[in-house]
């Protein structure tokens, strides 16, 4: 939690940091591409959440670890 997890940010924003390099176009973030990538990662990791927009702080400890 103390390193690398933004508790007040969404699951998409946290996972989007991982995919940032591949989700940019002309120096700008491709938000829809970032969202698709983050959704795919969350599904592969088995993160249980109401929405990709859910704040990480509201996830269970186990799901926070997955993110």
PDB file of N, CA and C in Angstrom:
ATOM      1  N   UNK A   1       0.824  -1.196   0.000  1.00  0.00           N
ATOM      2  CA  UNK A   1       0.000   0.000   0.000  1.00  0.00           C
ATOM      3  C   UNK A   1       0.862   1.251   0.000  1.00  0.00           C
ATOM      4  N   UNK A   2       1.901   1.218   0.794  1.00  0.00           N
ATOM      5  CA  UNK A   2       2.730   2.406   0.940  1.00  0.00           C
ATOM      6  C   UNK A   2       3.551   2.734  -0.286  1.00  0.00           C
ATOM      7  N   UNK A   3       3.779   1.755  -1.149  1.00  0.00           N
ATOM      8  CA  UNK A   3       4.621   1.978  -2.319  1.00  0.00           C
ATOM      9  C   UNK A   3       3.903   1.554  -3.591  1.00  0.00           C
ATOM     10  N   UNK A   4       3.591   2.521  -4.423  1.00  0.00           N
ATOM     11  CA  UNK A   4       3.090   2.197  -5.737  1.00  0.00           C
ATOM     12  C   UNK A   4       1.595   2.058  -5.900  1.00  0.00           C
ATOM     13  N   UNK A   5       0.818   2.153  -4.827  1.00  0.00           N
ATOM     14  CA  UNK A   5      -0.631   2.030  -4.946  1.00  0.00           C
ATOM     15  C   UNK A   5      -1.265   3.364  -4.580  1.00  0.00           C
ATOM     16  N   UNK A   6      -2.036   3.917  -5.486  1.00  0.00           N
ATOM     17  CA  UNK A   6      -2.716   5.192  -5.251  1.00  0.00           C
ATOM     18  C   UNK A   6      -4.115   4.891  -4.740  1.00  0.00           C
ATOM     19  N   UNK A   7      -4.285   4.914  -3.419  1.00  0.00           N
ATOM     20  CA  UNK A   7      -5.546   4.499  -2.805  1.00  0.00           C
ATOM     21  C   UNK A   7      -6.720   5.382  -3.199  1.00  0.00           C
ATOM     22  N   UNK A   8      -6.477   6.668  -3.425  1.00  0.00           N
ATOM     23  CA  UNK A   8      -7.570   7.579  -3.766  1.00  0.00           C
ATOM     24  C   UNK A   8      -7.813   7.679  -5.271  1.00  0.00           C
ATOM     25  N   UNK A   9      -7.137   6.849  -6.027  1.00  0.00           N
ATOM     26  CA  UNK A   9      -7.343   6.799  -7.474  1.00  0.00           C
ATOM     27  C   UNK A   9      -8.138   5.537  -7.816  1.00  0.00           C
ATOM     28  N   UNK A  10      -8.670   5.505  -9.014  1.00  0.00           N
ATOM     29  CA  UNK A  10      -9.473   4.353  -9.440  1.00  0.00           C
ATOM     30  C   UNK A  10      -8.582   3.173  -9.818  1.00  0.00           C
ATOM     31  N   UNK A  11      -9.221   2.030  -9.969  1.00  0.00           N
ATOM     32  CA  UNK A  11      -8.513   0.840 -10.446  1.00  0.00           C
ATOM     33  C   UNK A  11      -7.930   1.141 -11.825  1.00  0.00           C
ATOM     34  N   UNK A  12      -8.714   1.791 -12.676  1.00  0.00           N
ATOM     35  CA  UNK A  12      -8.236   2.139 -14.016  1.00  0.00           C
ATOM     36  C   UNK A  12      -6.999   3.018 -13.947  1.00  0.00           C
ATOM     37  N   UNK A  13      -7.016   4.025 -13.092  1.00  0.00           N
ATOM     38  CA  UNK A  13      -5.872   4.929 -12.999  1.00  0.00           C
ATOM     39  C   UNK A  13      -4.630   4.201 -12.488  1.00  0.00           C
ATOM     40  N   UNK A  14      -4.799   3.332 -11.499  1.00  0.00           N
ATOM     41  CA  UNK A  14      -3.664   2.584 -10.970  1.00  0.00           C
ATOM     42  C   UNK A  14      -3.100   1.624 -12.010  1.00  0.00           C
ATOM     43  N   UNK A  15      -3.954   0.842 -12.640  1.00  0.00           N
ATOM     44  CA  UNK A  15      -3.477  -0.105 -13.643  1.00  0.00           C
ATOM     45  C   UNK A  15      -3.034   0.618 -14.908  1.00  0.00           C
ATOM     46  N   UNK A  16      -3.616   1.779 -15.150  1.00  0.00           N
ATOM     47  CA  UNK A  16      -3.236   2.573 -16.313  1.00  0.00           C
ATOM     48  C   UNK A  16      -1.803   3.049 -16.254  1.00  0.00           C
ATOM     49  N   UNK A  17      -1.280   3.223 -15.052  1.00  0.00           N
ATOM     50  CA  UNK A  17       0.116   3.634 -14.917  1.00  0.00           C
ATOM     51  C   UNK A  17       1.048   2.579 -15.497  1.00  0.00           C
ATOM     52  N   UNK A  18       0.645   1.324 -15.369  1.00  0.00           N
ATOM     53  CA  UNK A  18       1.444   0.215 -15.895  1.00  0.00           C
ATOM     54  C   UNK A  18       1.437   0.233 -17.418  1.00  0.00           C
ATOM     55  N   UNK A  19       0.327   0.629 -18.002  1.00  0.00           N
ATOM     56  CA  UNK A  19       0.163   0.576 -19.456  1.00  0.00           C
ATOM     57  C   UNK A  19       0.393   1.926 -20.124  1.00  0.00           C
ATOM     58  N   UNK A  20       0.879   2.890 -19.377  1.00  0.00           N
ATOM     59  CA  UNK A  20       0.983   4.259 -19.890  1.00  0.00           C
ATOM     60  C   UNK A  20       1.813   4.354 -21.163  1.00  0.00           C
ATOM     61  N   UNK A  21       2.916   3.653 -21.214  1.00  0.00           N
ATOM     62  CA  UNK A  21       3.784   3.735 -22.399  1.00  0.00           C
ATOM     63  C   UNK A  21       3.038   3.296 -23.662  1.00  0.00           C
ATOM     64  N   UNK A  22       2.263   2.236 -23.574  1.00  0.00           N
ATOM     65  CA  UNK A  22       1.548   1.739 -24.745  1.00  0.00           C
ATOM     66  C   UNK A  22       0.227   2.434 -25.005  1.00  0.00           C
ATOM     67  N   UNK A  23      -0.203   3.297 -24.090  1.00  0.00           N
ATOM     68  CA  UNK A  23      -1.507   3.948 -24.227  1.00  0.00           C
ATOM     69  C   UNK A  23      -1.373   5.430 -24.542  1.00  0.00           C
ATOM     70  N   UNK A  24      -0.277   5.797 -25.180  1.00  0.00           N
ATOM     71  CA  UNK A  24      -0.109   7.195 -25.560  1.00  0.00           C
ATOM     72  C   UNK A  24      -0.087   7.301 -27.075  1.00  0.00           C
ATOM     73  N   UNK A  25      -0.577   8.429 -27.525  1.00  0.00           N
ATOM     74  CA  UNK A  25      -0.602   8.695 -28.959  1.00  0.00           C
ATOM     75  C   UNK A  25      -0.176  10.143 -29.154  1.00  0.00           C
ATOM     76  N   UNK A  26       0.955  10.348 -29.782  1.00  0.00           N
ATOM     77  CA  UNK A  26       1.439  11.702 -30.007  1.00  0.00           C
ATOM     78  C   UNK A  26       1.741  12.444 -28.715  1.00  0.00           C
ATOM     79  N   UNK A  27       2.164  11.719 -27.693  1.00  0.00           N
ATOM     80  CA  UNK A  27       2.485  12.343 -26.414  1.00  0.00           C
ATOM     81  C   UNK A  27       1.299  12.537 -25.494  1.00  0.00           C
ATOM     82  N   UNK A  28       0.099  12.203 -25.962  1.00  0.00           N
ATOM     83  CA  UNK A  28      -1.112  12.332 -25.147  1.00  0.00           C
ATOM     84  C   UNK A  28      -1.620  10.946 -24.763  1.00  0.00           C
ATOM     85  N   UNK A  29      -2.247  10.862 -23.607  1.00  0.00           N
ATOM     86  CA  UNK A  29      -2.776   9.579 -23.143  1.00  0.00           C
ATOM     87  C   UNK A  29      -4.051   9.245 -23.905  1.00  0.00           C
ATOM     88  N   UNK A  30      -4.101   8.052 -24.462  1.00  0.00           N
ATOM     89  CA  UNK A  30      -5.299   7.527 -25.120  1.00  0.00           C
ATOM     90  C   UNK A  30      -6.156   6.895 -24.025  1.00  0.00           C
ATOM     91  N   UNK A  31      -7.104   7.664 -23.485  1.00  0.00           N
ATOM     92  CA  UNK A  31      -7.878   7.237 -22.319  1.00  0.00           C
ATOM     93  C   UNK A  31      -8.689   5.978 -22.615  1.00  0.00           C
ATOM     94  N   UNK A  32      -9.281   5.890 -23.789  1.00  0.00           N
ATOM     95  CA  UNK A  32     -10.072   4.694 -24.097  1.00  0.00           C
ATOM     96  C   UNK A  32      -9.167   3.471 -24.227  1.00  0.00           C
ATOM     97  N   UNK A  33      -7.987   3.644 -24.804  1.00  0.00           N
ATOM     98  CA  UNK A  33      -7.034   2.539 -24.890  1.00  0.00           C
ATOM     99  C   UNK A  33      -6.527   2.134 -23.522  1.00  0.00           C
ATOM    100  N   UNK A  34      -6.290   3.124 -22.675  1.00  0.00           N
ATOM    101  CA  UNK A  34      -5.842   2.855 -21.309  1.00  0.00           C
ATOM    102  C   UNK A  34      -6.927   2.099 -20.544  1.00  0.00           C
ATOM    103  N   UNK A  35      -8.170   2.496 -20.749  1.00  0.00           N
ATOM    104  CA  UNK A  35      -9.295   1.841 -20.071  1.00  0.00           C
ATOM    105  C   UNK A  35      -9.411   0.374 -20.503  1.00  0.00           C
ATOM    106  N   UNK A  36      -9.302   0.134 -21.812  1.00  0.00           N
ATOM    107  CA  UNK A  36      -9.366  -1.244 -22.322  1.00  0.00           C
ATOM    108  C   UNK A  36      -8.235  -2.091 -21.745  1.00  0.00           C
ATOM    109  N   UNK A  37      -7.039  -1.539 -21.732  1.00  0.00           N
ATOM    110  CA  UNK A  37      -5.884  -2.279 -21.212  1.00  0.00           C
ATOM    111  C   UNK A  37      -6.049  -2.558 -19.722  1.00  0.00           C
ATOM    112  N   UNK A  38      -6.483  -1.558 -18.958  1.00  0.00           N
ATOM    113  CA  UNK A  38      -6.663  -1.726 -17.510  1.00  0.00           C
ATOM    114  C   UNK A  38      -7.752  -2.751 -17.215  1.00  0.00           C
ATOM    115  N   UNK A  39      -8.821  -2.734 -17.997  1.00  0.00           N
ATOM    116  CA  UNK A  39      -9.901  -3.704 -17.812  1.00  0.00           C
ATOM    117  C   UNK A  39      -9.391  -5.118 -18.065  1.00  0.00           C
ATOM    118  N   UNK A  40      -8.606  -5.286 -19.116  1.00  0.00           N
ATOM    119  CA  UNK A  40      -8.036  -6.597 -19.418  1.00  0.00           C
ATOM    120  C   UNK A  40      -7.114  -7.094 -18.319  1.00  0.00           C
ATOM    121  N   UNK A  41      -6.282  -6.210 -17.791  1.00  0.00           N
ATOM    122  CA  UNK A  41      -5.369  -6.589 -16.706  1.00  0.00           C
ATOM    123  C   UNK A  41      -6.163  -6.979 -15.470  1.00  0.00           C
ATOM    124  N   UNK A  42      -7.173  -6.178 -15.118  1.00  0.00           N
ATOM    125  CA  UNK A  42      -7.991  -6.468 -13.929  1.00  0.00           C
ATOM    126  C   UNK A  42      -8.679  -7.822 -14.065  1.00  0.00           C
ATOM    127  N   UNK A  43      -9.162  -8.133 -15.257  1.00  0.00           N
ATOM    128  CA  UNK A  43      -9.810  -9.431 -15.483  1.00  0.00           C
ATOM    129  C   UNK A  43      -8.806 -10.571 -15.336  1.00  0.00           C
ATOM    130  N   UNK A  44      -7.620 -10.408 -15.921  1.00  0.00           N
ATOM    131  CA  UNK A  44      -6.592 -11.460 -15.822  1.00  0.00           C
ATOM    132  C   UNK A  44      -6.127 -11.661 -14.383  1.00  0.00           C
ATOM    133  N   UNK A  45      -6.070 -10.583 -13.610  1.00  0.00           N
ATOM    134  CA  UNK A  45      -5.646 -10.682 -12.213  1.00  0.00           C
ATOM    135  C   UNK A  45      -6.769 -11.170 -11.301  1.00  0.00           C
ATOM    136  N   UNK A  46      -8.002 -11.165 -11.813  1.00  0.00           N
ATOM    137  CA  UNK A  46      -9.144 -11.606 -11.013  1.00  0.00           C
ATOM    138  C   UNK A  46      -9.558 -10.601  -9.952  1.00  0.00           C
ATOM    139  N   UNK A  47      -9.409  -9.316 -10.261  1.00  0.00           N
ATOM    140  CA  UNK A  47      -9.792  -8.268  -9.309  1.00  0.00           C
ATOM    141  C   UNK A  47     -11.312  -8.203  -9.240  1.00  0.00           C
ATOM    142  N   UNK A  48     -11.846  -8.357  -8.033  1.00  0.00           N
ATOM    143  CA  UNK A  48     -13.295  -8.264  -7.831  1.00  0.00           C
ATOM    144  C   UNK A  48     -13.628  -6.818  -7.496  1.00  0.00           C
ATOM    145  N   UNK A  49     -14.421  -6.191  -8.378  1.00  0.00           N
ATOM    146  CA  UNK A  49     -14.754  -4.777  -8.221  1.00  0.00           C
ATOM    147  C   UNK A  49     -16.102  -4.516  -8.867  1.00  0.00           C
ATOM    148  N   UNK A  50     -16.739  -3.447  -8.438  1.00  0.00           N
ATOM    149  CA  UNK A  50     -18.018  -3.067  -9.029  1.00  0.00           C
ATOM    150  C   UNK A  50     -17.808  -2.473 -10.419  1.00  0.00           C
ATOM    151  N   UNK A  51     -16.705  -1.746 -10.575  1.00  0.00           N
ATOM    152  CA  UNK A  51     -16.421  -1.045 -11.818  1.00  0.00           C
ATOM    153  C   UNK A  51     -14.934  -0.729 -11.876  1.00  0.00           C
ATOM    154  N   UNK A  52     -14.411  -0.566 -13.065  1.00  0.00           N
ATOM    155  CA  UNK A  52     -13.013  -0.187 -13.245  1.00  0.00           C
ATOM    156  C   UNK A  52     -12.765   1.214 -12.679  1.00  0.00           C
ATOM    157  N   UNK A  53     -13.847   1.981 -12.478  1.00  0.00           N
ATOM    158  CA  UNK A  53     -13.753   3.337 -11.937  1.00  0.00           C
ATOM    159  C   UNK A  53     -13.762   3.368 -10.411  1.00  0.00           C
ATOM    160  N   UNK A  54     -13.918   2.217  -9.780  1.00  0.00           N
ATOM    161  CA  UNK A  54     -13.974   2.142  -8.315  1.00  0.00           C
ATOM    162  C   UNK A  54     -12.628   2.550  -7.719  1.00  0.00           C
ATOM    163  N   UNK A  55     -12.677   3.341  -6.635  1.00  0.00           N
ATOM    164  CA  UNK A  55     -11.441   3.732  -5.953  1.00  0.00           C
ATOM    165  C   UNK A  55     -10.808   2.522  -5.291  1.00  0.00           C
ATOM    166  N   UNK A  56      -9.504   2.415  -5.396  1.00  0.00           N
ATOM    167  CA  UNK A  56      -8.766   1.281  -4.848  1.00  0.00           C
ATOM    168  C   UNK A  56      -8.976   1.178  -3.340  1.00  0.00           C
ATOM    169  N   UNK A  57      -9.122   2.310  -2.658  1.00  0.00           N
ATOM    170  CA  UNK A  57      -9.319   2.325  -1.205  1.00  0.00           C
ATOM    171  C   UNK A  57     -10.526   1.476  -0.789  1.00  0.00           C
ATOM    172  N   UNK A  58     -11.523   1.364  -1.668  1.00  0.00           N
ATOM    173  CA  UNK A  58     -12.756   0.653  -1.317  1.00  0.00           C
ATOM    174  C   UNK A  58     -12.681  -0.848  -1.605  1.00  0.00           C
ATOM    175  N   UNK A  59     -11.592  -1.304  -2.199  1.00  0.00           N
ATOM    176  CA  UNK A  59     -11.424  -2.731  -2.474  1.00  0.00           C
ATOM    177  C   UNK A  59     -10.973  -3.455  -1.213  1.00  0.00           C
ATOM    178  N   UNK A  60     -11.218  -4.752  -1.160  1.00  0.00           N
ATOM    179  CA  UNK A  60     -10.705  -5.559  -0.049  1.00  0.00           C
ATOM    180  C   UNK A  60      -9.178  -5.573  -0.123  1.00  0.00           C
ATOM    181  N   UNK A  61      -8.552  -5.928   0.986  1.00  0.00           N
ATOM    182  CA  UNK A  61      -7.092  -5.979   1.022  1.00  0.00           C
ATOM    183  C   UNK A  61      -6.509  -6.900  -0.032  1.00  0.00           C
ATOM    184  N   UNK A  62      -7.152  -8.051  -0.238  1.00  0.00           N
ATOM    185  CA  UNK A  62      -6.673  -8.996  -1.244  1.00  0.00           C
ATOM    186  C   UNK A  62      -6.754  -8.433  -2.646  1.00  0.00           C
ATOM    187  N   UNK A  63      -7.828  -7.721  -2.943  1.00  0.00           N
ATOM    188  CA  UNK A  63      -7.967  -7.125  -4.268  1.00  0.00           C
ATOM    189  C   UNK A  63      -7.036  -5.932  -4.436  1.00  0.00           C
ATOM    190  N   UNK A  64      -6.759  -5.208  -3.349  1.00  0.00           N
ATOM    191  CA  UNK A  64      -5.761  -4.137  -3.420  1.00  0.00           C
ATOM    192  C   UNK A  64      -4.402  -4.721  -3.787  1.00  0.00           C
ATOM    193  N   UNK A  65      -4.071  -5.869  -3.226  1.00  0.00           N
ATOM    194  CA  UNK A  65      -2.786  -6.507  -3.536  1.00  0.00           C
ATOM    195  C   UNK A  65      -2.710  -6.912  -5.000  1.00  0.00           C
ATOM    196  N   UNK A  66      -3.825  -7.336  -5.566  1.00  0.00           N
ATOM    197  CA  UNK A  66      -3.835  -7.720  -6.977  1.00  0.00           C
ATOM    198  C   UNK A  66      -3.548  -6.522  -7.872  1.00  0.00           C
ATOM    199  N   UNK A  67      -4.086  -5.370  -7.472  1.00  0.00           N
ATOM    200  CA  UNK A  67      -3.860  -4.147  -8.246  1.00  0.00           C
ATOM    201  C   UNK A  67      -2.419  -3.713  -8.073  1.00  0.00           C
TER     202      UNK A  67
END
